[in-house]
Amino acid sequence: MDGSSELNITVPTEDEMRARARALVPLLREKSDEGERLRRVPDAVMAAMKDAGLFRILQPKRWGGYEMHPNVYYDVLMTLGEGDMSAAWCYGVIGCHPWQMALFDDRAQADVWGRDTSVLVSSTYMIQGDARPVEGGYIFNGRWRFSSGCEHCDWIFLGGEVGRGSGNMDMRTFLLPRSDYEIVDTWDTLGLRGTGSHDIVVKDAFVPEYRTHLFMDGVMCNSPGNAVNTHGLYRMPFPQVFIRAVSTSSIGGLQAMLDAFVNYAAKRTTVTGAKTAEDGTAQLLCAETASAIDEMKLVLHRNINVMYDVACAGGFTEMSDRFKFRYQSAEVPERCANLAQRLFKAGGGAAVFNKLPFARILSDLHTGRAHAANQADSIGRNWGGVMLGLENTDYWI
């Protein structure tokens, strides 16, 4: 069934979507401890995000989505991060997938959304899968780590290569239903404990050709789904859209850290009788952090606007911009974790107690910065090397 044959869905305004996310922040804070214990996003939180329509922001209208400007999605992601970074992280990853689903062959879109347009897809893009060509598709095998929110999803995107190890560089995203893979409980971590980012195992699953998406099609902004999903939104570079799904929640986490610090430090008196509010170091740190948050938001919006406007005009984002935008996304978690570390230190001995949110937020930020897409040093070195005349070694741009 084509989504266009369903009952018309009323598309909210962009401001309404931002307001819905803001309204969920208290729930995310309330349920954050439960998520830590369960090592997954609590069902009530996932249901609330679905009921608010947050996962439809980047979904095509012909499949019941809102097809909104991607900055709405990133704004929602940052806001959720103020409540709980684990829930925001899962939203960032899973909420990006309706956008990539729109790039697949329309038959794959129908497989996922044909009966229920609220179905969610998880992922792990590590190129761990080995695809052996057979008639009509591939026999697929592999084991992957870090599938955030997988327990809440009915389908999955998995990174793989046709003839892995052969050197043919035929890298793809493979789409599989829940019956074709096993979730292995492995997620016991320092931070982002509530993401439930478990391992995935696939053994001899058949994946039809049409349920694969060539990596280079996403890079070159020319995918099978563009034939039916014609909005410029779906001609943005795939890597550039996804990398911000795993960096942007850090901005919300840092905002939560700053808000908690301001509320705590404004009334804090140290054991020596000094008032933190009168400490020049603490004062300057608050200003630096607030300014950095503002700057990172502005750069995020600017970069997305550039790529979105180019795509809507039928153009192709310049590679020089992609290198810059890639680095600016990767450095966000690094900057956020470093500033949060300083706030944590300024909080004194009381900051280590779990009754305050400082330790949890700091752990979440440090865990988020470990993602492969957030390795700012190596990504920056590659960009700098390209500027100096060396060959590019990073194709996730």
Protein backbone atom coordinates (compact mmCIF):
# COMPACT_ATOMS: atom_id res chain seq x y z
CA MET A 1 0.00 0.00 0.00
CA ASP A 2 1.33 3.42 -0.96
CA GLY A 3 1.21 5.87 1.94
CA SER A 4 -0.51 8.39 -0.32
CA SER A 5 -3.62 6.21 -0.23
CA GLU A 6 -3.94 6.56 3.54
CA LEU A 7 -6.06 9.12 5.35
CA ASN A 8 -4.52 12.53 5.09
CA ILE A 9 -2.21 13.36 8.01
CA THR A 10 -2.27 16.89 9.34
CA VAL A 11 1.26 18.27 9.22
CA PRO A 12 2.07 20.40 12.30
CA THR A 13 4.01 23.62 12.03
CA GLU A 14 7.75 23.59 12.63
CA ASP A 15 7.29 25.60 15.83
CA GLU A 16 4.71 23.09 17.03
CA MET A 17 7.24 20.27 16.62
CA ARG A 18 9.81 22.21 18.61
CA ALA A 19 7.20 22.86 21.30
CA ARG A 20 6.29 19.18 21.47
CA ALA A 21 9.92 18.29 22.06
CA ARG A 22 10.22 20.94 24.77
CA ALA A 23 7.13 19.53 26.49
CA LEU A 24 8.80 16.09 26.69
CA VAL A 25 11.91 17.28 28.54
CA PRO A 26 10.43 16.80 32.07
CA LEU A 27 9.39 13.24 31.19
CA LEU A 28 12.85 12.42 29.86
CA ARG A 29 14.45 13.74 33.05
CA GLU A 30 12.00 11.81 35.21
CA LYS A 31 12.65 8.55 33.35
CA SER A 32 16.42 8.90 32.94
CA ASP A 33 17.23 6.79 36.01
CA GLU A 34 14.87 4.06 34.77
CA GLY A 35 16.66 4.07 31.43
CA GLU A 36 20.01 3.71 33.20
CA ARG A 37 18.71 0.68 35.11
CA LEU A 38 17.08 -0.94 32.09
CA ARG A 39 19.95 -0.05 29.74
CA ARG A 40 17.38 0.99 27.16
CA VAL A 41 14.99 3.87 26.51
CA PRO A 42 11.91 3.28 28.71
CA ASP A 43 8.78 2.29 26.79
CA ALA A 44 6.92 5.35 28.08
CA VAL A 45 9.55 7.68 26.65
CA MET A 46 9.63 5.96 23.25
CA ALA A 47 5.83 5.98 23.12
CA ALA A 48 5.73 9.69 23.98
CA MET A 49 8.20 10.54 21.22
CA LYS A 50 6.20 8.49 18.71
CA ASP A 51 2.89 10.02 19.83
CA ALA A 52 4.38 13.49 19.41
CA GLY A 53 5.19 12.65 15.78
CA LEU A 54 8.90 13.30 16.25
CA PHE A 55 9.95 10.34 14.10
CA ARG A 56 7.89 11.68 11.18
CA ILE A 57 9.85 14.93 10.79
CA LEU A 58 12.12 13.63 8.01
CA GLN A 59 9.69 10.98 6.71
CA PRO A 60 8.19 11.50 3.22
CA LYS A 61 4.67 12.89 3.12
CA ARG A 62 3.63 10.10 0.78
CA TRP A 63 4.34 7.72 3.67
CA GLY A 64 2.61 9.70 6.39
CA GLY A 65 5.54 11.93 7.28
CA TYR A 66 5.99 15.66 7.65
CA GLU A 67 8.92 16.12 5.21
CA MET A 68 10.21 19.10 7.18
CA HIS A 69 13.37 21.16 7.01
CA PRO A 70 16.16 19.09 8.63
CA ASN A 71 16.93 21.88 11.11
CA VAL A 72 13.60 21.08 12.78
CA TYR A 73 14.85 17.55 13.38
CA TYR A 74 18.16 18.81 14.78
CA ASP A 75 16.40 21.37 16.99
CA VAL A 76 14.19 18.60 18.40
CA LEU A 77 17.28 16.46 18.95
CA MET A 78 19.08 19.20 20.88
CA THR A 79 16.01 19.87 23.00
CA LEU A 80 15.58 16.21 23.92
CA GLY A 81 19.24 16.17 24.93
CA GLU A 82 18.41 18.67 27.67
CA GLY A 83 16.17 16.02 29.21
CA ASP A 84 18.21 12.85 28.75
CA MET A 85 21.08 12.26 26.35
CA SER A 86 20.36 8.54 26.02
CA ALA A 87 16.81 9.14 24.81
CA ALA A 88 18.04 11.96 22.58
CA TRP A 89 20.80 9.80 21.14
CA CYS A 90 18.30 7.08 20.21
CA TYR A 91 15.97 9.68 18.73
CA GLY A 92 18.84 11.14 16.71
CA VAL A 93 19.76 7.78 15.19
CA ILE A 94 16.29 6.31 14.71
CA GLY A 95 14.76 9.66 13.73
CA CYS A 96 17.27 9.97 10.89
CA HIS A 97 16.34 6.62 9.39
CA PRO A 98 13.03 7.66 7.79
CA TRP A 99 15.17 10.06 5.75
CA GLN A 100 17.45 7.28 4.54
CA MET A 101 14.49 4.95 4.05
CA ALA A 102 13.26 7.50 1.50
CA LEU A 103 16.46 6.90 -0.51
CA PHE A 104 15.77 3.17 -0.95
CA ASP A 105 13.88 1.62 -3.82
CA ASP A 106 10.17 2.27 -3.34
CA ARG A 107 9.54 -1.46 -2.90
CA ALA A 108 11.70 -1.38 0.23
CA GLN A 109 9.76 1.63 1.52
CA ALA A 110 6.53 -0.30 0.99
CA ASP A 111 7.94 -3.31 2.86
CA VAL A 112 8.59 -1.14 5.92
CA TRP A 113 5.69 1.33 5.87
CA GLY A 114 3.08 -0.38 3.72
CA ARG A 115 0.93 -1.51 6.64
CA ASP A 116 2.05 0.88 9.36
CA THR A 117 3.76 4.20 8.69
CA SER A 118 4.91 4.44 12.33
CA VAL A 119 7.30 1.46 12.03
CA LEU A 120 10.84 2.33 13.18
CA VAL A 121 14.24 1.23 11.87
CA SER A 122 17.45 0.85 13.90
CA SER A 123 20.97 0.61 12.49
CA THR A 124 24.64 -0.01 12.77
CA TYR A 125 26.61 1.15 9.75
CA MET A 126 29.89 -0.56 10.58
CA ILE A 127 31.03 -2.36 7.42
CA GLN A 128 30.92 -5.75 9.14
CA GLY A 129 28.51 -7.60 6.88
CA ASP A 130 29.56 -9.98 4.13
CA ALA A 131 27.12 -10.17 1.21
CA ARG A 132 27.37 -13.09 -1.22
CA PRO A 133 25.51 -12.49 -4.50
CA VAL A 134 22.74 -14.94 -5.37
CA GLU A 135 19.80 -14.69 -7.75
CA GLY A 136 17.69 -11.68 -6.82
CA GLY A 137 19.89 -10.46 -3.99
CA TYR A 138 22.45 -11.54 -1.40
CA ILE A 139 23.09 -14.04 1.36
CA PHE A 140 24.14 -11.85 4.26
CA ASN A 141 26.20 -12.64 7.37
CA GLY A 142 27.91 -10.69 10.10
CA ARG A 143 28.07 -9.33 13.60
CA TRP A 144 27.83 -5.64 14.46
CA ARG A 145 28.13 -3.51 17.60
CA PHE A 146 26.33 -0.33 18.71
CA SER A 147 22.74 -0.65 17.46
CA SER A 148 21.12 2.13 19.49
CA GLY A 149 17.45 1.66 20.35
CA CYS A 150 17.29 -1.65 18.49
CA GLU A 151 14.79 -3.19 20.92
CA HIS A 152 12.20 -0.61 19.89
CA CYS A 153 12.49 -1.23 16.13
CA ASP A 154 11.08 -3.76 13.68
CA TRP A 155 13.68 -3.33 10.92
CA ILE A 156 17.38 -2.55 10.78
CA PHE A 157 19.98 -0.93 8.50
CA LEU A 158 23.28 -2.84 8.52
CA GLY A 159 26.56 -1.87 6.88
CA GLY A 160 28.11 -4.46 4.62
CA GLU A 161 30.18 -5.12 1.54
CA VAL A 162 29.56 -7.37 -1.41
CA GLY A 163 32.39 -9.89 -1.28
CA ARG A 164 33.86 -8.42 1.89
CA GLY A 165 37.64 -8.44 1.80
CA SER A 166 37.77 -8.71 -1.99
CA GLY A 167 38.70 -5.06 -2.39
CA ASN A 168 35.83 -4.23 -4.75
CA MET A 169 34.58 -1.49 -2.38
CA ASP A 170 30.90 -2.32 -3.07
CA MET A 171 29.69 -0.96 0.28
CA ARG A 172 25.97 -0.78 1.00
CA THR A 173 23.32 -0.44 3.65
CA PHE A 174 21.31 -3.66 3.89
CA LEU A 175 17.71 -3.53 5.15
CA LEU A 176 16.49 -6.52 7.19
CA PRO A 177 13.27 -7.31 9.11
CA ARG A 178 13.36 -8.21 12.80
CA SER A 179 12.93 -11.94 12.01
CA ASP A 180 16.27 -12.00 10.16
CA TYR A 181 18.61 -10.84 12.94
CA GLU A 182 19.38 -11.51 16.60
CA ILE A 183 19.90 -8.83 19.26
CA VAL A 184 22.68 -9.85 21.66
CA ASP A 185 22.61 -8.08 25.04
CA THR A 186 26.08 -6.53 25.40
CA TRP A 187 25.45 -2.89 26.38
CA ASP A 188 27.04 -2.26 29.81
CA THR A 189 28.92 1.02 29.57
CA LEU A 190 30.23 4.14 31.23
CA GLY A 191 27.66 6.47 29.68
CA LEU A 192 24.66 6.55 27.37
CA ARG A 193 23.56 3.46 29.26
CA GLY A 194 19.94 4.08 28.36
CA THR A 195 20.54 3.70 24.62
CA GLY A 196 20.49 -0.11 24.61
CA SER A 197 23.10 -0.15 21.85
CA HIS A 198 23.43 -3.93 21.70
CA ASP A 199 25.16 -6.22 19.21
CA ILE A 200 23.40 -7.56 16.12
CA VAL A 201 24.02 -10.99 14.57
CA VAL A 202 22.88 -12.14 11.12
CA LYS A 203 23.29 -15.69 9.85
CA ASP A 204 22.58 -16.56 6.21
CA ALA A 205 19.77 -14.07 5.72
CA PHE A 206 18.53 -13.42 2.19
CA VAL A 207 18.38 -9.71 1.37
CA PRO A 208 16.71 -8.75 -1.94
CA GLU A 209 18.72 -6.43 -4.16
CA TYR A 210 16.08 -3.71 -3.81
CA ARG A 211 16.57 -3.70 -0.04
CA THR A 212 20.12 -2.42 -0.40
CA HIS A 213 21.35 1.15 -0.72
CA LEU A 214 24.73 1.83 -2.28
CA PHE A 215 26.91 3.99 -0.07
CA MET A 216 28.16 6.00 -3.03
CA ASP A 217 24.59 6.71 -4.17
CA GLY A 218 24.06 8.44 -0.84
CA VAL A 219 27.33 10.34 -1.14
CA MET A 220 26.54 11.45 -4.70
CA CYS A 221 22.91 12.33 -3.81
CA ASN A 222 21.47 10.11 -6.52
CA SER A 223 19.57 7.22 -4.94
CA PRO A 224 16.73 4.99 -6.23
CA GLY A 225 14.22 6.62 -3.90
CA ASN A 226 14.79 10.01 -5.52
CA ALA A 227 12.55 8.85 -8.36
CA VAL A 228 9.52 8.96 -6.06
CA ASN A 229 10.61 11.20 -3.19
CA THR A 230 11.48 14.25 -5.24
CA HIS A 231 11.80 16.93 -2.55
CA GLY A 232 15.28 18.45 -2.32
CA LEU A 233 15.45 17.24 1.29
CA TYR A 234 16.27 13.78 -0.07
CA ARG A 235 19.13 15.02 -2.26
CA MET A 236 21.32 16.10 0.62
CA PRO A 237 24.55 14.10 1.17
CA PHE A 238 23.79 11.02 3.24
CA PRO A 239 26.96 11.15 5.42
CA GLN A 240 26.41 14.83 6.23
CA VAL A 241 22.87 14.19 7.46
CA PHE A 242 23.76 11.18 9.59
CA ILE A 243 26.92 12.42 11.29
CA ARG A 244 24.91 15.14 13.02
CA ALA A 245 22.48 12.51 14.30
CA VAL A 246 25.29 11.37 16.64
CA SER A 247 26.87 14.72 17.48
CA THR A 248 23.97 17.11 18.01
CA SER A 249 22.58 15.59 21.21
CA SER A 250 25.83 16.70 22.88
CA ILE A 251 24.75 20.33 22.54
CA GLY A 252 21.57 19.55 24.45
CA GLY A 253 23.55 17.62 27.05
CA LEU A 254 25.91 20.54 27.59
CA GLN A 255 22.93 22.90 27.92
CA ALA A 256 21.51 20.61 30.61
CA MET A 257 24.88 20.63 32.39
CA LEU A 258 25.04 24.42 32.28
CA ASP A 259 21.45 24.82 33.50
CA ALA A 260 22.07 22.42 36.38
CA PHE A 261 25.34 24.14 37.28
CA VAL A 262 23.78 27.62 37.27
CA ASN A 263 20.90 26.44 39.46
CA TYR A 264 23.29 24.72 41.87
CA ALA A 265 26.17 27.20 41.92
CA ALA A 266 23.98 30.28 42.33
CA LYS A 267 23.17 29.05 45.88
CA ARG A 268 26.35 27.11 46.68
CA THR A 269 28.70 28.04 49.51
CA THR A 270 31.93 26.03 49.77
CA VAL A 271 33.33 24.52 52.97
CA THR A 272 35.54 27.59 53.26
CA GLY A 273 32.52 29.88 53.19
CA ALA A 274 33.16 31.19 49.65
CA LYS A 275 30.17 31.74 47.38
CA THR A 276 30.53 30.11 43.98
CA ALA A 277 28.42 32.87 42.43
CA GLU A 278 31.18 35.31 43.34
CA ASP A 279 33.97 33.11 41.93
CA GLY A 280 35.38 34.76 38.80
CA THR A 281 36.41 31.42 37.33
CA ALA A 282 32.88 30.06 37.63
CA GLN A 283 31.42 33.26 36.22
CA LEU A 284 33.66 33.18 33.16
CA LEU A 285 33.05 29.47 32.64
CA CYS A 286 29.29 30.03 32.53
CA ALA A 287 29.75 32.77 29.93
CA GLU A 288 32.14 30.68 27.83
CA THR A 289 29.80 27.69 27.88
CA ALA A 290 26.71 29.69 26.95
CA SER A 291 28.60 31.38 24.13
CA ALA A 292 29.94 28.06 22.82
CA ILE A 293 26.44 26.54 22.78
CA ASP A 294 25.16 29.52 20.80
CA GLU A 295 28.05 29.26 18.34
CA MET A 296 27.61 25.51 17.79
CA LYS A 297 23.90 25.96 17.12
CA LEU A 298 24.56 28.75 14.65
CA VAL A 299 27.16 26.69 12.76
CA LEU A 300 24.85 23.66 12.70
CA HIS A 301 21.96 25.69 11.29
CA ARG A 302 24.19 27.49 8.79
CA ASN A 303 25.73 24.29 7.45
CA ILE A 304 22.43 22.48 7.13
CA ASN A 305 20.86 25.50 5.43
CA VAL A 306 23.68 25.59 2.87
CA MET A 307 23.28 21.92 1.96
CA TYR A 308 19.49 22.04 2.00
CA ASP A 309 19.30 25.12 -0.21
CA VAL A 310 21.80 23.67 -2.68
CA ALA A 311 19.85 20.39 -2.83
CA CYS A 312 16.51 22.13 -3.31
CA ALA A 313 18.03 24.13 -6.16
CA GLY A 314 19.16 20.91 -7.84
CA GLY A 315 22.84 21.43 -7.02
CA PHE A 316 25.62 19.43 -5.38
CA THR A 317 27.30 20.54 -2.16
CA GLU A 318 30.93 21.47 -2.85
CA MET A 319 33.49 19.01 -1.52
CA SER A 320 35.38 21.85 0.17
CA ASP A 321 32.27 22.60 2.19
CA ARG A 322 31.76 18.94 3.01
CA PHE A 323 35.24 18.64 4.52
CA LYS A 324 34.62 21.72 6.65
CA PHE A 325 31.12 20.68 7.68
CA ARG A 326 32.35 17.16 8.53
CA TYR A 327 34.96 18.51 10.92
CA GLN A 328 32.61 21.05 12.47
CA SER A 329 30.16 18.25 13.27
CA ALA A 330 32.87 16.00 14.73
CA GLU A 331 34.30 18.66 17.02
CA VAL A 332 30.94 19.34 18.71
CA PRO A 333 31.07 16.37 21.16
CA GLU A 334 34.73 17.14 21.88
CA ARG A 335 33.98 20.76 22.75
CA CYS A 336 30.91 19.84 24.77
CA ALA A 337 32.73 17.18 26.80
CA ASN A 338 35.63 19.52 27.55
CA LEU A 339 33.36 22.32 28.74
CA ALA A 340 31.26 19.88 30.78
CA GLN A 341 34.45 18.57 32.41
CA ARG A 342 35.28 22.09 33.55
CA LEU A 343 31.76 22.61 34.90
CA PHE A 344 32.03 19.30 36.74
CA LYS A 345 35.29 20.41 38.35
CA ALA A 346 33.81 23.78 39.31
CA GLY A 347 30.96 21.96 41.05
CA GLY A 348 33.33 20.68 43.72
CA GLY A 349 32.99 17.47 45.70
CA ALA A 350 29.20 17.51 45.69
CA ALA A 351 29.17 17.08 41.91
CA VAL A 352 30.17 13.42 42.24
CA PHE A 353 26.89 12.45 43.94
CA ASN A 354 24.20 10.88 41.78
CA LYS A 355 21.49 13.04 43.31
CA LEU A 356 22.90 15.76 41.05
CA PRO A 357 22.96 15.19 37.25
CA PHE A 358 26.55 16.27 36.64
CA ALA A 359 28.25 12.86 36.64
CA ARG A 360 25.63 11.23 34.41
CA ILE A 361 25.70 14.03 31.84
CA LEU A 362 29.50 14.05 31.80
CA SER A 363 29.62 10.26 31.30
CA ASP A 364 27.07 10.51 28.48
CA LEU A 365 29.09 13.23 26.74
CA HIS A 366 32.35 11.28 26.99
CA THR A 367 30.67 8.15 25.63
CA GLY A 368 29.10 10.06 22.74
CA ARG A 369 32.41 11.56 21.70
CA ALA A 370 33.78 8.01 21.26
CA HIS A 371 31.59 7.39 18.19
CA ALA A 372 33.57 6.93 14.97
CA ALA A 373 31.82 9.94 13.40
CA ASN A 374 33.00 12.16 16.28
CA GLN A 375 36.76 11.53 16.05
CA ALA A 376 37.60 15.18 15.53
CA ASP A 377 41.39 14.78 15.52
CA SER A 378 41.65 12.31 12.63
CA ILE A 379 38.86 14.04 10.71
CA GLY A 380 40.56 17.40 11.16
CA ARG A 381 43.93 16.01 10.09
CA ASN A 382 42.37 14.67 6.91
CA TRP A 383 40.76 18.03 6.11
CA GLY A 384 44.01 19.86 6.84
CA GLY A 385 45.92 17.38 4.70
CA VAL A 386 43.56 17.98 1.79
CA MET A 387 44.11 21.72 2.16
CA LEU A 388 47.85 21.03 1.99
CA GLY A 389 47.53 19.04 -1.22
CA LEU A 390 47.31 15.47 0.09
CA GLU A 391 44.78 12.87 -1.05
CA ASN A 392 41.50 12.54 0.85
CA THR A 393 41.33 9.40 2.99
CA ASP A 394 37.84 9.97 4.43
CA TYR A 395 34.89 9.04 2.26
CA TRP A 396 32.25 9.69 4.95
CA ILE A 397 31.66 13.21 3.62
